[in-house]
N, C-alpha and C. Protein backbone atom coordinates (compact mmCIF):
# COMPACT_ATOMS: atom_id res chain seq x y z
N MET A 1 -50.68 -125.37 87.62
CA MET A 1 -51.35 -124.17 88.29
C MET A 1 -52.78 -124.93 88.43
N ALA A 2 -53.65 -124.74 89.62
CA ALA A 2 -54.67 -125.19 89.67
C ALA A 2 -55.82 -124.65 89.00
N ALA A 3 -56.77 -125.32 88.56
CA ALA A 3 -57.91 -124.61 87.84
C ALA A 3 -59.03 -124.28 88.84
N THR A 4 -59.69 -122.93 89.08
CA THR A 4 -60.58 -122.40 89.71
C THR A 4 -62.15 -122.99 89.58
N VAL A 5 -62.71 -123.65 90.21
CA VAL A 5 -64.06 -123.97 90.06
C VAL A 5 -64.92 -123.29 90.95
N SER A 6 -65.94 -122.45 89.86
CA SER A 6 -66.52 -121.45 90.43
C SER A 6 -68.08 -121.83 90.56
N HIS A 7 -68.33 -123.11 90.53
CA HIS A 7 -69.94 -123.51 90.65
C HIS A 7 -70.25 -124.85 91.47
N LEU A 8 -71.28 -124.91 92.17
CA LEU A 8 -71.65 -126.46 92.73
C LEU A 8 -72.27 -127.29 91.74
N ALA A 9 -72.09 -128.61 91.71
CA ALA A 9 -72.72 -129.38 90.79
C ALA A 9 -74.26 -129.46 91.17
N ASP A 10 -75.00 -129.82 90.18
CA ASP A 10 -76.64 -129.60 90.28
C ASP A 10 -76.73 -130.95 90.98
N THR A 11 -77.96 -131.03 91.60
CA THR A 11 -78.59 -131.99 92.60
C THR A 11 -78.73 -133.06 92.14
N MET A 12 -78.79 -133.50 90.59
CA MET A 12 -78.82 -134.73 90.05
C MET A 12 -77.38 -135.22 90.03
N SER A 13 -76.51 -134.51 89.63
CA SER A 13 -75.29 -134.85 89.54
C SER A 13 -74.39 -135.22 90.92
N VAL A 14 -74.85 -134.57 92.03
CA VAL A 14 -74.49 -134.81 93.20
C VAL A 14 -75.06 -136.49 93.65
N ILE A 15 -76.21 -136.38 93.25
CA ILE A 15 -76.78 -138.01 93.46
C ILE A 15 -76.40 -138.77 92.85
N ARG A 16 -75.99 -138.70 91.61
CA ARG A 16 -75.46 -139.67 90.64
C ARG A 16 -73.92 -139.97 91.01
N LEU A 17 -73.29 -139.24 91.05
CA LEU A 17 -71.83 -139.18 91.60
C LEU A 17 -71.75 -139.90 93.06
N THR A 18 -72.37 -139.57 93.68
CA THR A 18 -72.46 -139.87 95.22
C THR A 18 -72.82 -141.37 95.43
N LEU A 19 -73.75 -141.85 94.41
CA LEU A 19 -74.17 -143.38 94.13
C LEU A 19 -73.11 -143.87 94.00
N HIS A 20 -72.24 -143.52 92.71
CA HIS A 20 -71.31 -143.98 92.09
C HIS A 20 -69.96 -144.30 93.27
N VAL A 21 -69.60 -143.19 93.79
CA VAL A 21 -68.47 -143.48 94.59
C VAL A 21 -68.66 -144.23 95.89
N LEU A 22 -70.03 -144.21 96.36
CA LEU A 22 -70.52 -145.14 97.40
C LEU A 22 -70.15 -146.41 97.02
N ALA A 23 -70.86 -146.76 95.93
CA ALA A 23 -70.72 -148.08 95.25
C ALA A 23 -69.59 -148.70 95.15
N ALA A 24 -68.44 -147.69 94.68
CA ALA A 24 -66.89 -148.27 94.62
C ALA A 24 -66.58 -148.23 95.72
N CYS A 25 -66.90 -147.49 96.76
CA CYS A 25 -66.27 -147.82 98.19
C CYS A 25 -66.62 -149.43 98.43
N VAL A 26 -67.73 -149.54 98.30
CA VAL A 26 -68.33 -150.96 98.90
C VAL A 26 -67.37 -151.88 97.92
N TRP A 27 -67.64 -151.78 96.75
CA TRP A 27 -67.23 -152.89 95.59
C TRP A 27 -65.53 -153.09 95.89
N VAL A 28 -64.86 -151.85 95.47
CA VAL A 28 -63.57 -151.98 95.48
C VAL A 28 -62.45 -151.86 96.70
N GLY A 29 -63.30 -151.18 97.56
CA GLY A 29 -62.68 -150.81 99.34
C GLY A 29 -63.00 -152.42 99.88
N GLY A 30 -64.07 -152.85 99.65
CA GLY A 30 -64.51 -153.85 100.61
C GLY A 30 -63.71 -155.13 100.30
N GLN A 31 -63.12 -155.34 99.04
CA GLN A 31 -62.22 -156.46 98.23
C GLN A 31 -60.92 -156.14 99.04
N PHE A 32 -60.42 -155.00 99.45
CA PHE A 32 -59.33 -154.74 100.06
C PHE A 32 -59.56 -154.95 101.60
N VAL A 33 -60.59 -154.53 102.08
CA VAL A 33 -60.77 -155.15 103.48
C VAL A 33 -60.96 -156.52 103.50
N VAL A 34 -61.72 -157.29 102.66
CA VAL A 34 -61.73 -158.64 102.99
C VAL A 34 -60.64 -159.31 102.99
N ALA A 35 -59.63 -158.76 102.04
CA ALA A 35 -58.38 -159.58 102.00
C ALA A 35 -57.51 -159.20 103.11
N GLY A 36 -57.68 -157.79 103.69
CA GLY A 36 -56.81 -157.87 104.97
C GLY A 36 -57.38 -158.62 106.07
N LEU A 37 -58.62 -158.96 105.94
CA LEU A 37 -59.25 -159.72 107.35
C LEU A 37 -59.08 -161.18 107.20
N LEU A 38 -58.76 -161.67 105.94
CA LEU A 38 -58.68 -162.96 105.76
C LEU A 38 -57.95 -163.78 106.59
N PRO A 39 -56.76 -163.39 107.11
CA PRO A 39 -56.02 -164.25 107.85
C PRO A 39 -56.32 -164.29 109.25
N THR A 40 -56.93 -163.11 109.74
CA THR A 40 -57.85 -163.40 110.92
C THR A 40 -59.05 -164.24 110.80
N VAL A 41 -59.74 -164.04 109.71
CA VAL A 41 -60.86 -164.97 109.65
C VAL A 41 -60.80 -166.26 109.34
N ARG A 42 -59.59 -166.60 108.92
CA ARG A 42 -59.22 -168.06 108.80
C ARG A 42 -58.85 -168.70 110.26
N THR A 43 -58.23 -167.88 111.24
CA THR A 43 -58.41 -168.25 112.68
C THR A 43 -59.54 -169.03 113.48
N LEU A 44 -60.81 -168.23 112.67
CA LEU A 44 -62.21 -168.68 113.46
C LEU A 44 -62.63 -169.96 112.99
N GLY A 45 -62.08 -170.61 112.24
CA GLY A 45 -62.64 -171.63 111.69
C GLY A 45 -62.57 -172.18 110.28
N ALA A 46 -62.80 -173.05 110.03
CA ALA A 46 -62.64 -173.66 108.69
C ALA A 46 -63.77 -173.20 107.73
N ASP A 47 -65.02 -172.86 108.10
CA ASP A 47 -66.12 -172.33 107.54
C ASP A 47 -65.94 -170.98 107.37
N ALA A 48 -65.36 -170.28 108.26
CA ALA A 48 -65.49 -168.64 108.64
C ALA A 48 -65.42 -167.70 107.16
N PRO A 49 -64.16 -168.30 106.52
CA PRO A 49 -63.87 -167.48 105.27
C PRO A 49 -65.11 -167.59 104.28
N ARG A 50 -65.58 -168.85 104.09
CA ARG A 50 -66.67 -168.89 103.16
C ARG A 50 -67.96 -168.04 103.41
N ALA A 51 -68.25 -168.20 104.90
CA ALA A 51 -69.37 -167.25 105.30
C ALA A 51 -68.97 -165.92 105.34
N VAL A 52 -67.94 -165.23 105.64
CA VAL A 52 -67.39 -164.02 105.24
C VAL A 52 -67.78 -163.39 103.71
N ALA A 53 -66.94 -164.56 103.06
CA ALA A 53 -67.26 -164.27 101.46
C ALA A 53 -68.88 -164.06 100.98
N ARG A 54 -69.27 -164.87 101.77
CA ARG A 54 -71.09 -164.85 101.20
C ARG A 54 -71.80 -163.49 101.79
N ALA A 55 -71.20 -163.35 103.07
CA ALA A 55 -71.73 -161.90 103.53
C ALA A 55 -71.36 -160.65 102.83
N PHE A 56 -70.34 -160.76 102.48
CA PHE A 56 -69.56 -159.68 101.48
C PHE A 56 -70.27 -159.78 100.08
N GLY A 57 -70.70 -160.76 99.55
CA GLY A 57 -71.26 -160.92 98.23
C GLY A 57 -72.62 -160.18 98.67
N ARG A 58 -73.37 -160.61 99.50
CA ARG A 58 -74.67 -159.70 99.71
C ARG A 58 -74.75 -158.44 99.89
N LEU A 59 -73.60 -157.59 99.99
CA LEU A 59 -73.15 -156.28 99.94
C LEU A 59 -72.62 -155.91 98.53
N SER A 60 -71.74 -156.68 97.79
CA SER A 60 -70.73 -156.18 96.93
C SER A 60 -71.48 -156.08 95.67
N TRP A 61 -72.66 -157.55 95.46
CA TRP A 61 -72.96 -157.42 94.15
C TRP A 61 -73.86 -156.38 94.03
N PRO A 62 -74.80 -156.20 94.82
CA PRO A 62 -75.74 -155.05 94.66
C PRO A 62 -74.75 -153.60 94.31
N ALA A 63 -73.47 -153.52 95.19
CA ALA A 63 -72.86 -152.33 94.74
C ALA A 63 -72.34 -152.32 93.42
N PHE A 64 -71.84 -153.49 93.00
CA PHE A 64 -71.60 -153.65 91.58
C PHE A 64 -72.30 -153.28 90.52
N TRP A 65 -73.75 -153.52 90.75
CA TRP A 65 -74.73 -153.22 89.65
C TRP A 65 -74.98 -151.81 89.94
N VAL A 66 -75.05 -151.07 91.11
CA VAL A 66 -74.95 -149.62 91.13
C VAL A 66 -74.14 -148.93 90.23
N LEU A 67 -72.93 -149.49 90.64
CA LEU A 67 -71.64 -148.65 89.81
C LEU A 67 -72.09 -149.10 88.30
N VAL A 68 -72.42 -150.21 87.75
CA VAL A 68 -72.70 -150.36 86.18
C VAL A 68 -73.79 -149.41 85.90
N ALA A 69 -75.01 -149.19 86.59
CA ALA A 69 -75.83 -148.45 86.31
C ALA A 69 -75.21 -146.85 86.20
N THR A 70 -75.17 -146.40 87.29
CA THR A 70 -74.55 -145.02 87.57
C THR A 70 -73.36 -144.64 86.77
N GLY A 71 -72.54 -145.78 85.95
CA GLY A 71 -71.59 -145.57 84.88
C GLY A 71 -72.26 -145.08 83.54
N PHE A 72 -73.36 -145.83 83.61
CA PHE A 72 -73.87 -145.44 82.17
C PHE A 72 -74.73 -144.25 82.29
N TRP A 73 -75.30 -143.82 83.63
CA TRP A 73 -75.78 -142.70 83.70
C TRP A 73 -74.61 -141.60 83.54
N ASN A 74 -73.51 -141.78 84.08
CA ASN A 74 -72.45 -140.80 83.97
C ASN A 74 -72.09 -140.62 82.51
N TYR A 75 -72.07 -141.56 81.62
CA TYR A 75 -71.91 -141.45 80.08
C TYR A 75 -72.98 -140.64 79.72
N GLN A 76 -74.15 -140.96 80.03
CA GLN A 76 -75.36 -140.25 79.36
C GLN A 76 -75.13 -138.64 79.95
N ALA A 77 -74.81 -138.60 81.00
CA ALA A 77 -74.83 -137.07 81.79
C ALA A 77 -73.75 -136.38 80.86
N ALA A 78 -72.43 -137.31 80.56
CA ALA A 78 -71.54 -136.38 80.03
C ALA A 78 -71.81 -135.84 78.60
N GLY A 79 -73.02 -136.54 77.68
CA GLY A 79 -73.32 -136.31 76.43
C GLY A 79 -72.41 -136.19 75.65
N ALA A 80 -72.76 -135.05 74.56
CA ALA A 80 -71.91 -134.90 73.49
C ALA A 80 -70.83 -133.91 73.83
N HIS A 81 -70.70 -133.70 75.08
CA HIS A 81 -69.49 -132.77 75.60
C HIS A 81 -68.23 -133.37 75.79
N THR A 82 -67.93 -134.76 75.38
CA THR A 82 -66.68 -135.51 75.32
C THR A 82 -66.24 -135.76 74.28
N THR A 83 -64.63 -135.68 74.43
CA THR A 83 -63.35 -136.27 73.70
C THR A 83 -63.42 -137.54 72.92
N SER A 84 -62.57 -137.59 71.89
CA SER A 84 -62.62 -139.05 71.42
C SER A 84 -61.71 -139.82 72.71
N ALA A 85 -60.75 -139.03 73.34
CA ALA A 85 -59.74 -139.53 74.26
C ALA A 85 -60.65 -140.09 75.51
N TRP A 86 -61.81 -139.36 75.83
CA TRP A 86 -62.58 -139.64 77.16
C TRP A 86 -63.65 -140.91 76.60
N ARG A 87 -63.60 -140.83 75.45
CA ARG A 87 -64.65 -142.20 75.01
C ARG A 87 -63.82 -143.47 75.06
N VAL A 88 -62.74 -143.14 74.68
CA VAL A 88 -61.84 -144.44 74.82
C VAL A 88 -61.29 -144.67 76.12
N ALA A 89 -61.22 -144.16 76.98
CA ALA A 89 -60.89 -144.18 78.14
C ALA A 89 -62.30 -144.98 78.82
N PHE A 90 -63.50 -144.27 78.65
CA PHE A 90 -64.61 -144.97 78.92
C PHE A 90 -64.75 -146.24 78.56
N SER A 91 -64.58 -146.50 77.14
CA SER A 91 -64.68 -147.86 76.84
C SER A 91 -63.61 -148.92 77.52
N VAL A 92 -62.38 -148.27 77.71
CA VAL A 92 -61.51 -149.27 78.18
C VAL A 92 -61.88 -149.68 79.99
N LYS A 93 -62.62 -148.72 80.39
CA LYS A 93 -63.22 -148.67 81.55
C LYS A 93 -64.16 -149.92 81.67
N MET A 94 -65.05 -149.80 80.84
CA MET A 94 -66.28 -150.92 80.62
C MET A 94 -65.66 -152.28 80.56
N VAL A 95 -64.51 -152.28 79.92
CA VAL A 95 -63.70 -153.71 79.48
C VAL A 95 -63.32 -154.17 80.77
N VAL A 96 -62.69 -153.15 81.66
CA VAL A 96 -62.26 -153.84 82.95
C VAL A 96 -63.19 -153.99 83.87
N VAL A 97 -64.31 -153.16 83.75
CA VAL A 97 -65.42 -153.47 84.75
C VAL A 97 -65.91 -155.07 84.42
N VAL A 98 -66.12 -155.04 83.27
CA VAL A 98 -66.58 -156.66 82.81
C VAL A 98 -65.74 -157.63 83.55
N LEU A 99 -64.51 -157.42 83.12
CA LEU A 99 -63.45 -158.44 83.71
C LEU A 99 -63.56 -158.58 85.00
N ALA A 100 -63.80 -157.34 85.75
CA ALA A 100 -63.64 -157.23 87.37
C ALA A 100 -64.97 -158.20 87.74
N GLY A 101 -66.00 -157.84 87.17
CA GLY A 101 -67.21 -158.88 87.46
C GLY A 101 -67.29 -160.03 87.18
N LEU A 102 -66.54 -160.57 85.98
CA LEU A 102 -66.49 -161.81 85.74
C LEU A 102 -65.49 -162.70 86.38
N ALA A 103 -64.22 -162.03 86.80
CA ALA A 103 -63.43 -162.59 87.60
C ALA A 103 -63.87 -162.76 89.27
N SER A 104 -64.65 -161.83 89.50
CA SER A 104 -65.31 -161.88 90.88
C SER A 104 -66.31 -163.24 91.03
N PHE A 105 -66.95 -163.12 89.65
CA PHE A 105 -68.10 -164.38 89.67
C PHE A 105 -67.37 -165.58 89.52
N LEU A 106 -66.33 -165.59 88.97
CA LEU A 106 -65.56 -167.03 88.92
C LEU A 106 -64.94 -167.20 90.06
N HIS A 107 -64.32 -166.57 90.93
CA HIS A 107 -63.92 -166.36 92.12
C HIS A 107 -64.85 -167.08 92.99
N THR A 108 -65.98 -166.85 92.93
CA THR A 108 -67.16 -167.28 93.85
C THR A 108 -67.47 -168.96 93.48
N ARG A 109 -67.13 -169.22 92.36
CA ARG A 109 -67.19 -170.59 91.67
C ARG A 109 -66.24 -171.60 91.77
N ALA A 110 -65.00 -170.85 92.04
CA ALA A 110 -63.74 -171.76 92.00
C ALA A 110 -63.70 -172.73 92.97
N THR A 111 -63.22 -173.98 92.88
CA THR A 111 -63.07 -175.01 93.58
C THR A 111 -62.05 -175.43 94.33
N THR A 112 -60.76 -174.76 93.65
CA THR A 112 -59.40 -175.03 94.45
C THR A 112 -58.53 -173.51 95.08
N PRO A 113 -58.02 -173.47 95.94
CA PRO A 113 -57.50 -172.43 96.52
C PRO A 113 -56.75 -171.69 95.69
N ALA A 114 -56.01 -172.15 94.50
CA ALA A 114 -55.32 -171.33 93.74
C ALA A 114 -56.13 -170.67 92.62
N ARG A 115 -57.11 -171.41 92.43
CA ARG A 115 -57.98 -170.62 91.48
C ARG A 115 -58.88 -169.66 91.97
N ARG A 116 -59.20 -169.74 93.28
CA ARG A 116 -59.93 -168.75 93.90
C ARG A 116 -59.12 -167.48 94.19
N GLY A 117 -57.70 -167.85 94.33
CA GLY A 117 -56.82 -166.59 94.56
C GLY A 117 -56.46 -165.95 93.05
N ALA A 118 -56.20 -166.73 92.01
CA ALA A 118 -55.77 -166.15 90.80
C ALA A 118 -57.18 -165.16 90.37
N PHE A 119 -58.48 -165.78 90.67
CA PHE A 119 -59.43 -164.96 90.12
C PHE A 119 -59.76 -163.53 91.10
N ALA A 120 -59.44 -163.88 92.63
CA ALA A 120 -59.52 -162.70 93.28
C ALA A 120 -58.57 -161.57 92.89
N GLY A 121 -57.40 -162.28 92.50
CA GLY A 121 -56.16 -161.30 92.01
C GLY A 121 -56.60 -160.48 91.06
N VAL A 122 -57.29 -161.01 89.89
CA VAL A 122 -57.63 -160.47 88.54
C VAL A 122 -58.76 -159.39 88.99
N ALA A 123 -59.53 -159.69 89.91
CA ALA A 123 -60.88 -159.02 90.13
C ALA A 123 -60.41 -157.91 90.83
N VAL A 124 -59.44 -157.95 91.89
CA VAL A 124 -58.89 -156.58 92.38
C VAL A 124 -58.30 -155.79 91.46
N LEU A 125 -57.38 -156.44 90.66
CA LEU A 125 -56.63 -155.54 89.75
C LEU A 125 -57.41 -154.73 88.93
N ALA A 126 -58.60 -155.45 88.22
CA ALA A 126 -59.30 -154.88 87.40
C ALA A 126 -60.26 -153.84 88.39
N SER A 127 -60.61 -153.83 89.35
CA SER A 127 -61.58 -153.17 89.79
C SER A 127 -60.84 -152.11 90.10
N THR A 128 -59.53 -152.15 90.56
CA THR A 128 -58.66 -150.96 90.96
C THR A 128 -58.33 -149.99 89.67
N ALA A 129 -58.23 -150.92 88.27
CA ALA A 129 -58.19 -150.20 87.25
C ALA A 129 -59.31 -149.30 86.74
N ALA A 130 -60.49 -150.00 87.01
CA ALA A 130 -61.72 -149.08 86.89
C ALA A 130 -61.65 -147.94 87.75
N LEU A 131 -61.32 -148.10 89.00
CA LEU A 131 -61.52 -146.96 89.69
C LEU A 131 -60.66 -145.79 89.57
N VAL A 132 -59.21 -146.14 88.97
CA VAL A 132 -58.29 -145.23 88.54
C VAL A 132 -58.90 -144.52 87.39
N LEU A 133 -59.61 -145.27 86.30
CA LEU A 133 -59.90 -144.77 85.13
C LEU A 133 -61.39 -143.95 85.51
N GLY A 134 -62.07 -144.18 86.27
CA GLY A 134 -63.18 -143.35 86.76
C GLY A 134 -62.52 -142.00 87.22
N VAL A 135 -61.79 -141.88 88.07
CA VAL A 135 -61.04 -140.83 88.39
C VAL A 135 -60.57 -140.00 87.37
N ALA A 136 -59.76 -140.47 86.41
CA ALA A 136 -59.31 -139.88 85.16
C ALA A 136 -60.51 -139.40 84.31
N LEU A 137 -61.69 -139.95 84.35
CA LEU A 137 -62.59 -139.67 83.49
C LEU A 137 -63.66 -138.36 83.96
N SER A 138 -63.28 -138.53 85.44
CA SER A 138 -63.95 -137.32 86.24
C SER A 138 -63.33 -135.98 85.78
N GLY A 139 -62.23 -135.81 85.29
CA GLY A 139 -61.68 -134.48 84.84
C GLY A 139 -60.83 -133.87 85.57
């Protein structure tokens, strides 16, 4: 049976959560979009994938840092009203966020296609795990 929600979120919560979700759309969704476009981008020339990746980086890295900032804001907003299970899930989420950021950074520095692919795979899996954990944390 579904719970009934009888109130709207306060303005700061709406702003905080909107920024967090919008940044997740860019960071996580963008990874899937770029991966889906990559076969077509490769047909545009040898330099096209790198140019698209750089353009995506100019959008995605600011989104990543907005996610980190609003993630801690979400933690602070939850305050003392969290359970130990929620805090464990949040901690796990922070570990996978760090892993996603590190793998994404290493992807940009990789010098072989195999390493770029491996780091991209880890980044998208960790980013998706962070997204799922974020949904779980939202209650």
